[in-house]
Structures are given as structure tokens and as C-alpha cells.
C-alpha atoms as a PDB file:
ATOM      1  CA  MET A   1     110.534 134.860  84.337  1.00  0.00           C
ATOM      2  CA  LYS A   2     112.546 131.668  83.864  1.00  0.00           C
ATOM      3  CA  PHE A   3     113.176 130.206  87.302  1.00  0.00           C
ATOM      4  CA  LEU A   4     110.908 129.042  90.100  1.00  0.00           C
ATOM      5  CA  ALA A   5     112.795 129.236  93.379  1.00  0.00           C
ATOM      6  CA  ASP A   6     112.599 126.286  95.720  1.00  0.00           C
ATOM      7  CA  THR A   7     112.284 127.310  99.341  1.00  0.00           C
ATOM      8  CA  ASN A   8     115.885 126.326 100.088  1.00  0.00           C
ATOM      9  CA  LEU A   9     117.144 128.839  97.535  1.00  0.00           C
ATOM     10  CA  VAL A  10     115.535 131.934  99.018  1.00  0.00           C
ATOM     11  CA  SER A  11     116.174 130.684 102.553  1.00  0.00           C
ATOM     12  CA  GLU A  12     119.860 131.038 101.759  1.00  0.00           C
ATOM     13  CA  LEU A  13     119.358 134.815 101.621  1.00  0.00           C
ATOM     14  CA  ILE A  14     118.542 135.052 105.319  1.00  0.00           C
ATOM     15  CA  LYS A  15     121.445 132.934 106.555  1.00  0.00           C
ATOM     16  CA  VAL A  16     124.229 134.584 108.542  1.00  0.00           C
ATOM     17  CA  ARG A  17     126.759 133.205 106.055  1.00  0.00           C
ATOM     18  CA  PRO A  18     124.996 132.533 102.769  1.00  0.00           C
ATOM     19  CA  ASN A  19     126.689 130.460 100.104  1.00  0.00           C
ATOM     20  CA  GLU A  20     128.704 132.764  97.787  1.00  0.00           C
ATOM     21  CA  ALA A  21     127.835 130.838  94.615  1.00  0.00           C
ATOM     22  CA  VAL A  22     124.132 131.024  95.443  1.00  0.00           C
ATOM     23  CA  MET A  23     124.313 134.741  96.154  1.00  0.00           C
ATOM     24  CA  ALA A  24     126.075 135.363  92.830  1.00  0.00           C
ATOM     25  CA  TRP A  25     123.536 133.216  90.991  1.00  0.00           C
ATOM     26  CA  ILE A  26     120.612 135.063  92.583  1.00  0.00           C
ATOM     27  CA  ARG A  27     122.121 138.469  91.728  1.00  0.00           C
ATOM     28  CA  GLU A  28     122.602 137.366  88.125  1.00  0.00           C
ATOM     29  CA  ASN A  29     119.126 135.867  87.767  1.00  0.00           C
ATOM     30  CA  ASP A  30     117.055 138.088  90.044  1.00  0.00           C
ATOM     31  CA  PRO A  31     114.835 139.502  87.249  1.00  0.00           C
ATOM     32  CA  ASP A  32     113.978 135.971  86.084  1.00  0.00           C
ATOM     33  CA  LEU A  33     113.336 134.448  89.521  1.00  0.00           C
ATOM     34  CA  VAL A  34     109.930 133.978  91.108  1.00  0.00           C
ATOM     35  CA  LEU A  35     108.650 132.336  94.290  1.00  0.00           C
ATOM     36  CA  SER A  36     105.555 130.129  94.442  1.00  0.00           C
ATOM     37  CA  TRP A  37     102.820 130.284  97.044  1.00  0.00           C
ATOM     38  CA  VAL A  38     104.091 126.898  98.317  1.00  0.00           C
ATOM     39  CA  SER A  39     107.412 128.444  99.299  1.00  0.00           C
ATOM     40  CA  VAL A  40     105.605 131.396 100.854  1.00  0.00           C
ATOM     41  CA  ALA A  41     103.696 128.918 103.030  1.00  0.00           C
ATOM     42  CA  GLU A  42     106.869 126.967 103.882  1.00  0.00           C
ATOM     43  CA  LEU A  43     108.753 130.141 104.834  1.00  0.00           C
ATOM     44  CA  ARG A  44     105.919 131.434 107.016  1.00  0.00           C
ATOM     45  CA  ALA A  45     105.497 128.018 108.639  1.00  0.00           C
ATOM     46  CA  GLY A  46     109.204 127.988 109.462  1.00  0.00           C
ATOM     47  CA  VAL A  47     108.858 131.346 111.201  1.00  0.00           C
ATOM     48  CA  ALA A  48     105.775 130.178 113.101  1.00  0.00           C
ATOM     49  CA  LEU A  49     107.799 127.314 114.589  1.00  0.00           C
ATOM     50  CA  VAL A  50     110.393 129.648 116.121  1.00  0.00           C
ATOM     51  CA  PRO A  51     109.633 130.571 119.754  1.00  0.00           C
ATOM     52  CA  GLU A  52     108.267 134.077 120.223  1.00  0.00           C
ATOM     53  CA  GLY A  53     110.899 136.720 120.772  1.00  0.00           C
ATOM     54  CA  ARG A  54     113.444 138.872 119.009  1.00  0.00           C
ATOM     55  CA  ARG A  55     114.855 136.069 116.837  1.00  0.00           C
ATOM     56  CA  ARG A  56     111.387 135.216 115.540  1.00  0.00           C
ATOM     57  CA  GLU A  57     110.610 138.890 114.840  1.00  0.00           C
ATOM     58  CA  GLU A  58     113.861 139.305 112.908  1.00  0.00           C
ATOM     59  CA  MET A  59     113.266 136.116 110.962  1.00  0.00           C
ATOM     60  CA  GLN A  60     109.693 137.151 110.187  1.00  0.00           C
ATOM     61  CA  ALA A  61     110.853 140.537 108.881  1.00  0.00           C
ATOM     62  CA  ALA A  62     113.480 138.847 106.693  1.00  0.00           C
ATOM     63  CA  VAL A  63     110.978 136.321 105.343  1.00  0.00           C
ATOM     64  CA  GLU A  64     108.411 138.997 104.554  1.00  0.00           C
ATOM     65  CA  ALA A  65     111.096 140.989 102.718  1.00  0.00           C
ATOM     66  CA  LEU A  66     111.902 137.900 100.625  1.00  0.00           C
ATOM     67  CA  ILE A  67     108.228 137.412  99.845  1.00  0.00           C
ATOM     68  CA  GLU A  68     107.929 141.064  98.841  1.00  0.00           C
ATOM     69  CA  ASP A  69     110.938 140.731  96.529  1.00  0.00           C
ATOM     70  CA  PHE A  70     110.209 137.378  94.876  1.00  0.00           C
ATOM     71  CA  TYR A  71     106.499 136.560  95.145  1.00  0.00           C
ATOM     72  CA  ASP A  72     103.819 137.794  92.782  1.00  0.00           C
ATOM     73  CA  GLU A  73     100.598 135.845  93.053  1.00  0.00           C
ATOM     74  CA  ASN A  74      99.705 136.791  89.489  1.00  0.00           C
ATOM     75  CA  SER A  75     102.894 135.465  87.881  1.00  0.00           C
ATOM     76  CA  VAL A  76     102.619 131.860  89.124  1.00  0.00           C
ATOM     77  CA  PRO A  77      99.082 131.569  90.452  1.00  0.00           C
ATOM     78  CA  LEU A  78      97.583 128.457  91.950  1.00  0.00           C
ATOM     79  CA  LEU A  79      95.011 127.433  89.375  1.00  0.00           C
ATOM     80  CA  GLY A  80      92.514 124.631  89.198  1.00  0.00           C
ATOM     81  CA  SER A  81      94.607 123.207  86.381  1.00  0.00           C
ATOM     82  CA  THR A  82      97.584 123.008  88.758  1.00  0.00           C
ATOM     83  CA  ALA A  83      95.739 120.216  90.584  1.00  0.00           C
ATOM     84  CA  THR A  84      95.828 118.133  87.397  1.00  0.00           C
ATOM     85  CA  PHE A  85      99.598 118.561  87.164  1.00  0.00           C
ATOM     86  CA  VAL A  86      99.956 117.622  90.854  1.00  0.00           C
ATOM     87  CA  ALA A  87      97.806 114.501  90.402  1.00  0.00           C
ATOM     88  CA  ASP A  88      99.820 113.392  87.370  1.00  0.00           C
ATOM     89  CA  LEU A  89     103.129 113.912  89.163  1.00  0.00           C
ATOM     90  CA  ALA A  90     101.890 112.102  92.286  1.00  0.00           C
ATOM     91  CA  ARG A  91     100.942 109.103  90.128  1.00  0.00           C
ATOM     92  CA  ARG A  92     104.304 109.157  88.316  1.00  0.00           C
ATOM     93  CA  HIS A  93     106.178 109.403  91.613  1.00  0.00           C
ATOM     94  CA  ARG A  94     104.217 106.499  93.110  1.00  0.00           C
ATOM     95  CA  ASP A  95     104.850 104.380  90.008  1.00  0.00           C
ATOM     96  CA  ALA A  96     108.577 105.212  90.161  1.00  0.00           C
ATOM     97  CA  GLY A  97     108.727 104.433  93.889  1.00  0.00           C
ATOM     98  CA  ILE A  98     109.803 107.932  94.884  1.00  0.00           C
ATOM     99  CA  SER A  99     108.296 110.396  97.320  1.00  0.00           C
ATOM    100  CA  PRO A 100     109.576 113.963  97.059  1.00  0.00           C
ATOM    101  CA  GLY A 101     106.747 115.165  99.320  1.00  0.00           C
ATOM    102  CA  TRP A 102     103.750 117.346  98.621  1.00  0.00           C
ATOM    103  CA  PRO A 103     105.432 120.761  98.742  1.00  0.00           C
ATOM    104  CA  ASP A 104     108.021 119.740  96.150  1.00  0.00           C
ATOM    105  CA  THR A 105     105.396 117.969  94.044  1.00  0.00           C
ATOM    106  CA  VAL A 106     103.290 121.137  93.960  1.00  0.00           C
ATOM    107  CA  ILE A 107     106.337 123.301  93.179  1.00  0.00           C
ATOM    108  CA  ALA A 108     107.158 120.903  90.320  1.00  0.00           C
ATOM    109  CA  ALA A 109     103.570 121.093  89.065  1.00  0.00           C
ATOM    110  CA  VAL A 110     103.659 124.896  89.075  1.00  0.00           C
ATOM    111  CA  ALA A 111     106.971 124.815  87.190  1.00  0.00           C
ATOM    112  CA  LEU A 112     105.581 122.425  84.581  1.00  0.00           C
ATOM    113  CA  GLU A 113     102.416 124.445  84.143  1.00  0.00           C
ATOM    114  CA  HIS A 114     104.316 127.695  83.616  1.00  0.00           C
ATOM    115  CA  GLY A 115     107.337 126.320  81.739  1.00  0.00           C
ATOM    116  CA  LEU A 116     109.840 127.192  84.481  1.00  0.00           C
ATOM    117  CA  THR A 117     113.107 125.660  85.683  1.00  0.00           C
ATOM    118  CA  VAL A 118     113.242 124.930  89.418  1.00  0.00           C
ATOM    119  CA  ALA A 119     116.245 126.492  91.156  1.00  0.00           C
ATOM    120  CA  THR A 120     117.073 124.214  94.082  1.00  0.00           C
ATOM    121  CA  ARG A 121     119.805 122.486  96.005  1.00  0.00           C
ATOM    122  CA  ASN A 122     117.748 119.287  96.006  1.00  0.00           C
ATOM    123  CA  THR A 123     117.480 118.500  92.299  1.00  0.00           C
ATOM    124  CA  GLN A 124     116.669 114.855  93.081  1.00  0.00           C
ATOM    125  CA  ASP A 125     113.336 116.025  94.546  1.00  0.00           C
ATOM    126  CA  PHE A 126     112.288 117.349  91.123  1.00  0.00           C
ATOM    127  CA  PRO A 127     112.751 114.428  88.710  1.00  0.00           C
ATOM    128  CA  ASP A 128     110.041 115.597  86.309  1.00  0.00           C
ATOM    129  CA  VAL A 129     111.096 119.192  85.650  1.00  0.00           C
ATOM    130  CA  PRO A 130     114.190 121.034  84.503  1.00  0.00           C
ATOM    131  CA  THR A 131     116.349 122.095  87.447  1.00  0.00           C
ATOM    132  CA  VAL A 132     119.407 124.169  88.170  1.00  0.00           C
ATOM    133  CA  ASN A 133     121.529 123.885  91.295  1.00  0.00           C
ATOM    134  CA  PRO A 134     123.036 127.308  92.136  1.00  0.00           C
ATOM    135  CA  TRP A 135     125.221 125.688  94.833  1.00  0.00           C
ATOM    136  CA  ASN A 136     127.124 123.931  92.052  1.00  0.00           C
ATOM    137  CA  ASN A 137     127.665 127.037  89.949  1.00  0.00           C
ATOM    138  CA  PRO A 138     131.009 128.748  90.499  1.00  0.00           C
ATOM    139  CA  ALA A 139     130.702 132.281  91.844  1.00  0.00           C
END
């Protein structure tokens, strides 16, 4: 395991026309890619906001398939120590005058705690951890 997927990375997999470079990057790095519980929550929240009906059911099935493929609660667990990383990052962000938001701060904390690189389109939201932007990698 080397990469912690940001929610926007795995969301690309359920788009009608996913980005080719991202798809190639995911295929190449699939064995080293993991999803955090934060992204699981964000994905499920996104589904919950869609009005009931066929579209929501299809989206829910796709999201649950992504979770099945990329999430393992034992590989990047939420630990009490994660809270310390979150608190430190929140202080650093405040002092730097930036506000990536709580989900990204927690994803960054999980990445720091487990020595992972965040795979994301929004690298600016993760100033404290190594990142890779699969959208910028040629297919």
C-alpha cells in the first residue's frame, strides 16, 4: 500500500466518461491504492443526497462496489492517534491561513500516520503530505 485515494479519485471510476489518464493510473497502481473511511463517508453521503429512484440505486451500487474494491478498515484504521495528527494539521493550516476542510484534513492525517501519498486532483488541499495528481499523468 502506497497511495491513499482522495474521494475525487475513486469518484472518477463511476463517471460516464472517466478521465483516461486517471483510469490508466488506477489500473497501474490498483494493488497499492487504498480508500480511507473519510472517503467512504463522503461517497455514501453523496449517494444519500440523490433523490430516491433508479439513478440513486445505480449510484449506490457503484459506490458500494468501489468501497468493496478499495476500502479495508484494517489497512488504514481510524485510531485515537489519528486525532493528534488532525489537531496538528488543523493548527498548521490555521497558522498558514488556509482551510482545506475537515475531510481533507483527516485524509491528510491518515496519510501522514501511515506514510502514504495522497492521490488527488486537488493537491493544493493537501499541503502537508506527499501527493500525486493522476489527472496530470499521461495515459
